[in-house]
C-alpha atoms as a PDB file:
ATOM      1  CA  MET A   1     -21.690 -41.709   9.271  1.00  0.00           C
ATOM      2  CA  ALA A   2     -20.373 -41.197   5.610  1.00  0.00           C
ATOM      3  CA  ALA A   3     -22.474 -42.889   3.006  1.00  0.00           C
ATOM      4  CA  GLU A   4     -19.408 -43.820   1.399  1.00  0.00           C
ATOM      5  CA  LEU A   5     -18.489 -45.966   4.514  1.00  0.00           C
ATOM      6  CA  ILE A   6     -17.140 -49.640   3.283  1.00  0.00           C
ATOM      7  CA  PRO A   7     -18.987 -52.469   4.746  1.00  0.00           C
ATOM      8  CA  GLU A   8     -15.458 -53.930   6.311  1.00  0.00           C
ATOM      9  CA  GLU A   9     -14.698 -50.348   8.118  1.00  0.00           C
ATOM     10  CA  ALA A  10     -18.339 -50.579   9.422  1.00  0.00           C
ATOM     11  CA  LEU A  11     -17.714 -53.815  10.970  1.00  0.00           C
ATOM     12  CA  ARG A  12     -14.375 -52.780  12.592  1.00  0.00           C
ATOM     13  CA  ILE A  13     -15.723 -49.920  14.230  1.00  0.00           C
ATOM     14  CA  ALA A  14     -18.827 -51.735  15.402  1.00  0.00           C
ATOM     15  CA  ALA A  15     -15.990 -54.658  16.797  1.00  0.00           C
ATOM     16  CA  GLU A  16     -14.009 -51.980  18.616  1.00  0.00           C
ATOM     17  CA  THR A  17     -16.844 -50.283  19.876  1.00  0.00           C
ATOM     18  CA  ARG A  18     -18.244 -53.367  21.692  1.00  0.00           C
ATOM     19  CA  ARG A  19     -14.663 -54.271  22.940  1.00  0.00           C
ATOM     20  CA  SER A  20     -14.653 -50.889  24.348  1.00  0.00           C
ATOM     21  CA  ALA A  21     -17.544 -51.361  26.285  1.00  0.00           C
ATOM     22  CA  ALA A  22     -17.028 -55.097  27.454  1.00  0.00           C
ATOM     23  CA  PRO A  23     -16.473 -55.374  31.144  1.00  0.00           C
ATOM     24  CA  PRO A  24     -12.759 -54.609  32.022  1.00  0.00           C
ATOM     25  CA  ARG A  25     -10.722 -58.106  32.374  1.00  0.00           C
ATOM     26  CA  VAL A  26      -7.441 -58.504  34.450  1.00  0.00           C
ATOM     27  CA  PRO A  27      -4.710 -60.603  33.179  1.00  0.00           C
ATOM     28  CA  ALA A  28      -4.637 -64.249  34.197  1.00  0.00           C
ATOM     29  CA  TRP A  29      -1.417 -63.417  36.411  1.00  0.00           C
ATOM     30  CA  PHE A  30      -3.018 -60.805  38.501  1.00  0.00           C
ATOM     31  CA  PRO A  31      -5.061 -63.045  40.624  1.00  0.00           C
ATOM     32  CA  PRO A  32      -2.191 -65.077  42.108  1.00  0.00           C
ATOM     33  CA  TYR A  33      -0.334 -61.608  42.467  1.00  0.00           C
ATOM     34  CA  ALA A  34      -3.278 -59.933  44.352  1.00  0.00           C
ATOM     35  CA  GLY A  35      -4.225 -62.460  46.508  1.00  0.00           C
ATOM     36  CA  GLY A  36      -0.325 -63.686  47.326  1.00  0.00           C
ATOM     37  CA  THR A  37       1.039 -59.971  48.291  1.00  0.00           C
ATOM     38  CA  PHE A  38      -2.050 -59.179  50.214  1.00  0.00           C
ATOM     39  CA  ALA A  39      -1.433 -62.909  52.142  1.00  0.00           C
ATOM     40  CA  LEU A  40       2.047 -62.216  52.226  1.00  0.00           C
ATOM     41  CA  ALA A  41       2.228 -58.346  53.395  1.00  0.00           C
ATOM     42  CA  MET A  42      -0.258 -59.489  56.383  1.00  0.00           C
ATOM     43  CA  ALA A  43       1.787 -62.398  57.219  1.00  0.00           C
ATOM     44  CA  ALA A  44       5.118 -60.492  57.428  1.00  0.00           C
ATOM     45  CA  ILE A  45       3.345 -57.745  59.627  1.00  0.00           C
ATOM     46  CA  GLY A  46       1.830 -60.595  61.738  1.00  0.00           C
ATOM     47  CA  VAL A  47       5.377 -62.379  61.984  1.00  0.00           C
ATOM     48  CA  SER A  48       7.027 -58.711  62.875  1.00  0.00           C
ATOM     49  CA  ASN A  49       4.247 -58.201  65.605  1.00  0.00           C
ATOM     50  CA  LEU A  50       4.707 -61.702  66.761  1.00  0.00           C
ATOM     51  CA  SER A  51       8.487 -60.993  67.394  1.00  0.00           C
ATOM     52  CA  GLY A  52       8.468 -57.635  69.142  1.00  0.00           C
ATOM     53  CA  GLY A  53       9.294 -54.566  67.131  1.00  0.00           C
ATOM     54  CA  ASP A  54      12.542 -54.195  69.003  1.00  0.00           C
ATOM     55  CA  HIS A  55      15.147 -56.382  67.243  1.00  0.00           C
ATOM     56  CA  GLY A  56      16.111 -56.431  63.688  1.00  0.00           C
ATOM     57  CA  ALA A  57      14.342 -59.172  62.432  1.00  0.00           C
ATOM     58  CA  ALA A  58      10.962 -57.642  63.282  1.00  0.00           C
ATOM     59  CA  GLN A  59      11.695 -54.304  61.857  1.00  0.00           C
ATOM     60  CA  VAL A  60      12.599 -56.184  58.536  1.00  0.00           C
ATOM     61  CA  PHE A  61       9.397 -58.218  58.357  1.00  0.00           C
ATOM     62  CA  GLY A  62       7.549 -55.025  59.248  1.00  0.00           C
ATOM     63  CA  ILE A  63       9.324 -53.061  55.906  1.00  0.00           C
ATOM     64  CA  ALA A  64       8.549 -56.191  53.964  1.00  0.00           C
ATOM     65  CA  GLY A  65       5.017 -56.128  54.798  1.00  0.00           C
ATOM     66  CA  ILE A  66       4.557 -52.254  54.473  1.00  0.00           C
ATOM     67  CA  VAL A  67       6.472 -52.591  50.780  1.00  0.00           C
ATOM     68  CA  LEU A  68       4.198 -55.447  49.811  1.00  0.00           C
ATOM     69  CA  VAL A  69       0.860 -53.635  50.676  1.00  0.00           C
ATOM     70  CA  VAL A  70       2.406 -50.573  48.401  1.00  0.00           C
ATOM     71  CA  ALA A  71       3.056 -53.308  45.463  1.00  0.00           C
ATOM     72  CA  HIS A  72      -0.666 -54.746  46.206  1.00  0.00           C
ATOM     73  CA  LEU A  73      -2.128 -51.100  45.963  1.00  0.00           C
ATOM     74  CA  ALA A  74       0.186 -50.169  43.028  1.00  0.00           C
ATOM     75  CA  MET A  75      -0.933 -52.852  40.872  1.00  0.00           C
ATOM     76  CA  TYR A  76      -4.725 -51.804  41.324  1.00  0.00           C
ATOM     77  CA  VAL A  77      -3.809 -48.309  40.309  1.00  0.00           C
ATOM     78  CA  ALA A  78      -2.116 -49.687  37.401  1.00  0.00           C
ATOM     79  CA  LEU A  79      -5.439 -52.110  36.394  1.00  0.00           C
ATOM     80  CA  VAL A  80      -7.745 -49.006  36.774  1.00  0.00           C
ATOM     81  CA  ARG A  81      -5.518 -46.634  34.300  1.00  0.00           C
ATOM     82  CA  ARG A  82      -5.795 -49.500  31.806  1.00  0.00           C
ATOM     83  CA  TRP A  83      -9.236 -49.650  31.986  1.00  0.00           C
ATOM     84  CA  ARG A  84      -9.916 -46.197  31.366  1.00  0.00           C
ATOM     85  CA  ARG A  85     -10.875 -45.854  27.815  1.00  0.00           C
ATOM     86  CA  GLY A  86     -11.290 -42.572  25.873  1.00  0.00           C
ATOM     87  CA  GLY A  87     -15.134 -41.421  27.158  1.00  0.00           C
ATOM     88  CA  LEU A  88     -16.748 -45.028  26.985  1.00  0.00           C
ATOM     89  CA  VAL A  89     -17.883 -46.606  30.425  1.00  0.00           C
ATOM     90  CA  PRO A  90     -17.527 -50.084  30.663  1.00  0.00           C
ATOM     91  CA  LEU A  91     -20.210 -52.296  31.080  1.00  0.00           C
ATOM     92  CA  GLY A  92     -20.886 -53.496  34.898  1.00  0.00           C
ATOM     93  CA  GLU A  93     -20.554 -57.175  36.301  1.00  0.00           C
ATOM     94  CA  THR A  94     -21.031 -60.407  34.777  1.00  0.00           C
ATOM     95  CA  PRO A  95     -23.412 -63.195  36.428  1.00  0.00           C
ATOM     96  CA  THR A  96     -20.419 -64.921  36.946  1.00  0.00           C
ATOM     97  CA  THR A  97     -18.213 -62.182  38.675  1.00  0.00           C
ATOM     98  CA  GLN A  98     -21.817 -61.639  41.044  1.00  0.00           C
ATOM     99  CA  PHE A  99     -21.681 -64.832  41.917  1.00  0.00           C
ATOM    100  CA  ARG A 100     -18.024 -64.745  42.909  1.00  0.00           C
ATOM    101  CA  ARG A 101     -18.504 -61.690  44.853  1.00  0.00           C
ATOM    102  CA  ARG A 102     -21.224 -62.815  46.746  1.00  0.00           C
ATOM    103  CA  ALA A 103     -19.428 -66.260  47.568  1.00  0.00           C
ATOM    104  CA  SER A 104     -16.506 -64.383  48.709  1.00  0.00           C
ATOM    105  CA  ARG A 105     -18.461 -62.686  51.431  1.00  0.00           C
ATOM    106  CA  TRP A 106     -18.100 -66.070  53.259  1.00  0.00           C
ATOM    107  CA  PHE A 107     -14.402 -65.987  53.184  1.00  0.00           C
ATOM    108  CA  LEU A 108     -14.238 -62.165  54.357  1.00  0.00           C
ATOM    109  CA  ILE A 109     -16.786 -63.177  57.339  1.00  0.00           C
ATOM    110  CA  ALA A 110     -14.453 -66.252  58.234  1.00  0.00           C
ATOM    111  CA  ALA A 111     -11.450 -64.158  57.842  1.00  0.00           C
ATOM    112  CA  LEU A 112     -13.045 -61.483  60.509  1.00  0.00           C
ATOM    113  CA  GLY A 113     -14.194 -64.364  62.676  1.00  0.00           C
ATOM    114  CA  VAL A 114     -11.030 -66.226  62.829  1.00  0.00           C
ATOM    115  CA  GLY A 115      -8.684 -63.254  63.170  1.00  0.00           C
ATOM    116  CA  GLY A 116     -11.159 -61.875  65.585  1.00  0.00           C
ATOM    117  CA  VAL A 117     -10.946 -64.650  67.679  1.00  0.00           C
ATOM    118  CA  CYS A 118      -7.168 -64.514  67.677  1.00  0.00           C
ATOM    119  CA  PHE A 119      -7.344 -60.769  69.213  1.00  0.00           C
ATOM    120  CA  LEU A 120      -9.351 -61.736  71.479  1.00  0.00           C
ATOM    121  CA  LEU A 121      -7.027 -64.516  72.755  1.00  0.00           C
ATOM    122  CA  GLY A 122      -4.488 -61.771  72.890  1.00  0.00           C
ATOM    123  CA  SER A 123      -2.407 -62.798  70.023  1.00  0.00           C
ATOM    124  CA  SER A 124      -2.812 -59.659  67.621  1.00  0.00           C
ATOM    125  CA  GLY A 125       0.108 -61.200  65.489  1.00  0.00           C
ATOM    126  CA  TRP A 126      -1.859 -64.426  64.855  1.00  0.00           C
ATOM    127  CA  GLY A 127      -4.888 -62.538  64.050  1.00  0.00           C
ATOM    128  CA  ILE A 128      -3.248 -60.494  61.342  1.00  0.00           C
ATOM    129  CA  ILE A 129      -1.711 -63.472  60.064  1.00  0.00           C
ATOM    130  CA  THR A 130      -4.752 -65.580  59.594  1.00  0.00           C
ATOM    131  CA  PHE A 131      -6.889 -62.489  58.446  1.00  0.00           C
ATOM    132  CA  GLY A 132      -4.204 -61.975  55.938  1.00  0.00           C
ATOM    133  CA  LEU A 133      -4.324 -65.422  54.722  1.00  0.00           C
ATOM    134  CA  ILE A 134      -7.917 -65.998  54.206  1.00  0.00           C
ATOM    135  CA  ALA A 135      -8.551 -62.695  52.927  1.00  0.00           C
ATOM    136  CA  GLY A 136      -5.807 -63.224  50.456  1.00  0.00           C
ATOM    137  CA  ALA A 137      -7.435 -66.402  49.371  1.00  0.00           C
ATOM    138  CA  GLU A 138     -10.707 -64.667  48.974  1.00  0.00           C
ATOM    139  CA  ASN A 139      -9.074 -61.690  46.814  1.00  0.00           C
ATOM    140  CA  TRP A 140      -7.664 -64.619  44.702  1.00  0.00           C
ATOM    141  CA  TYR A 141     -11.161 -66.261  44.201  1.00  0.00           C
ATOM    142  CA  ARG A 142     -12.867 -63.389  43.324  1.00  0.00           C
ATOM    143  CA  LEU A 143     -10.539 -61.728  41.114  1.00  0.00           C
ATOM    144  CA  VAL A 144     -10.490 -64.971  38.829  1.00  0.00           C
ATOM    145  CA  GLY A 145     -13.490 -64.137  37.817  1.00  0.00           C
ATOM    146  CA  TRP A 146     -12.512 -61.023  36.357  1.00  0.00           C
ATOM    147  CA  THR A 147      -9.571 -62.752  34.090  1.00  0.00           C
ATOM    148  CA  ARG A 148      -9.262 -62.981  30.609  1.00  0.00           C
ATOM    149  CA  PRO A 149     -10.195 -66.192  28.675  1.00  0.00           C
ATOM    150  CA  GLU A 150      -7.648 -67.739  27.407  1.00  0.00           C
END
């Protein structure tokens, strides 16, 4: 660092470095988007399964489900690309995100339990739908902890 560095410039550099090392945040619209696209994708695939794969409506629901899964995954890729910061590694989780991650395990256990019971009862379509809806709610809940403060 040069001896001639003015204090304002030093403060600006320090603030930029701190902001770069902060935990990555997601936009406020992302949790409903992520949870909604996953839940809708699984619901569409489940409806396709329930209506049988032979006629046009089942195929439309199946294709819609696949498109929603791709849209769901593509947004994660876009966010990870935004999180890359010229050589700096962002800090890890905060206490809020750690609590939400631990609490969301119960959502996943419920999703697997209810979906598994439906599968065991012979209705894979309803198993996919219930798993998707509960896992979508879990995704939404967990990601709210990573949103930017307004």
